[in-house]
Amino acid sequence: MFIGEMAFLLNDRRSATILAVENGKLLRIPKSAFLNLIRKNPHYGIFLSKLLAQRLLRQTQKTIKLSSKLNELKSIIEIPDYISEV
């Protein structure tokens, strides 16, 4: 599992919260070391790209579902325009 990839790429602080079901190990990989790993092993970069693409796809699907539900609600009740613009 890779955690903090967005913060890594955006030079931002990590915002994820993790809860483990069982015991595990957490490895902190400094940014410079990770960049060196990607340079030497480009498939790590491809893995990271796929991970982010999957996350984007899931979020897009959720957004489409929520938009559809909002449109259904708008047909039943009056919803102010500023809410549907969000």
Protein backbone atom coordinates (compact mmCIF):
# COMPACT_ATOMS: atom_id res chain seq x y z
CA MET A 1 0.00 0.00 0.00
CA PHE A 2 1.26 3.43 -0.86
CA ILE A 3 0.11 6.33 1.31
CA GLY A 4 0.77 10.02 0.84
CA GLU A 5 1.39 9.91 -2.91
CA MET A 6 -0.63 13.05 -3.61
CA ALA A 7 1.17 15.04 -0.94
CA PHE A 8 4.45 13.69 -2.30
CA LEU A 9 3.70 14.84 -5.84
CA LEU A 10 2.22 18.19 -4.81
CA ASN A 11 4.89 19.05 -2.20
CA ASP A 12 2.17 19.25 0.42
CA ARG A 13 1.56 17.75 3.82
CA ARG A 14 -0.05 14.32 3.96
CA SER A 15 -3.75 14.44 4.78
CA ALA A 16 -4.63 10.74 4.91
CA THR A 17 -5.54 8.93 8.11
CA ILE A 18 -4.82 5.22 8.39
CA LEU A 19 -6.40 2.62 10.63
CA ALA A 20 -4.92 -0.88 10.61
CA VAL A 21 -7.04 -3.97 11.24
CA GLU A 22 -3.97 -6.05 12.13
CA ASN A 23 -0.37 -5.36 13.08
CA GLY A 24 1.74 -3.95 10.29
CA LYS A 25 4.83 -1.92 9.51
CA LEU A 26 5.06 1.62 8.30
CA LEU A 27 8.02 2.73 6.24
CA ARG A 28 8.86 6.37 5.77
CA ILE A 29 10.65 6.91 2.50
CA PRO A 30 12.29 10.32 2.09
CA LYS A 31 11.34 12.13 -1.08
CA SER A 32 14.90 12.14 -2.45
CA ALA A 33 15.17 8.37 -1.95
CA PHE A 34 11.83 7.77 -3.65
CA LEU A 35 12.79 9.95 -6.61
CA ASN A 36 16.02 7.97 -6.95
CA LEU A 37 14.00 4.73 -6.87
CA ILE A 38 11.75 5.99 -9.66
CA ARG A 39 14.76 7.05 -11.74
CA LYS A 40 16.33 3.61 -11.36
CA ASN A 41 13.03 1.69 -11.60
CA PRO A 42 10.61 3.52 -13.91
CA HIS A 43 7.91 0.91 -13.28
CA TYR A 44 7.48 2.47 -9.80
CA GLY A 45 6.40 5.68 -11.52
CA ILE A 46 4.00 3.71 -13.70
CA PHE A 47 2.59 2.04 -10.57
CA LEU A 48 2.08 5.45 -8.97
CA SER A 49 0.39 6.75 -12.13
CA LYS A 50 -1.99 3.77 -12.20
CA LEU A 51 -2.79 4.26 -8.52
CA LEU A 52 -3.70 7.90 -9.09
CA ALA A 53 -5.66 7.09 -12.27
CA GLN A 54 -7.73 4.51 -10.36
CA ARG A 55 -8.42 7.04 -7.61
CA LEU A 56 -9.46 9.64 -10.19
CA LEU A 57 -11.77 7.14 -11.90
CA ARG A 58 -13.44 6.19 -8.59
CA GLN A 59 -13.90 9.84 -7.67
CA THR A 60 -15.33 10.64 -11.11
CA GLN A 61 -17.83 7.79 -10.79
CA LYS A 62 -18.89 9.05 -7.35
CA THR A 63 -19.30 12.57 -8.72
CA ILE A 64 -21.47 11.32 -11.59
CA LYS A 65 -23.69 9.37 -9.17
CA LEU A 66 -24.04 12.36 -6.84
CA SER A 67 -24.84 14.66 -9.75
CA SER A 68 -27.53 12.25 -10.93
CA LYS A 69 -29.04 12.06 -7.44
CA LEU A 70 -28.99 15.85 -7.16
CA ASN A 71 -30.85 16.13 -10.47
CA GLU A 72 -33.43 13.63 -9.19
CA LEU A 73 -33.91 15.69 -6.05
CA LYS A 74 -34.20 18.89 -8.08
CA SER A 75 -37.10 17.35 -9.97
CA ILE A 76 -38.88 16.57 -6.69
CA ILE A 77 -38.08 19.61 -4.55
CA GLU A 78 -36.84 23.10 -5.23
CA ILE A 79 -33.10 23.34 -4.65
CA PRO A 80 -31.42 26.77 -4.82
CA ASP A 81 -29.14 27.20 -7.85
CA TYR A 82 -26.07 27.95 -5.72
CA ILE A 83 -26.23 24.38 -4.34
CA SER A 84 -26.34 22.74 -7.75
CA GLU A 85 -23.37 24.84 -8.92
CA VAL A 86 -21.03 23.29 -6.36
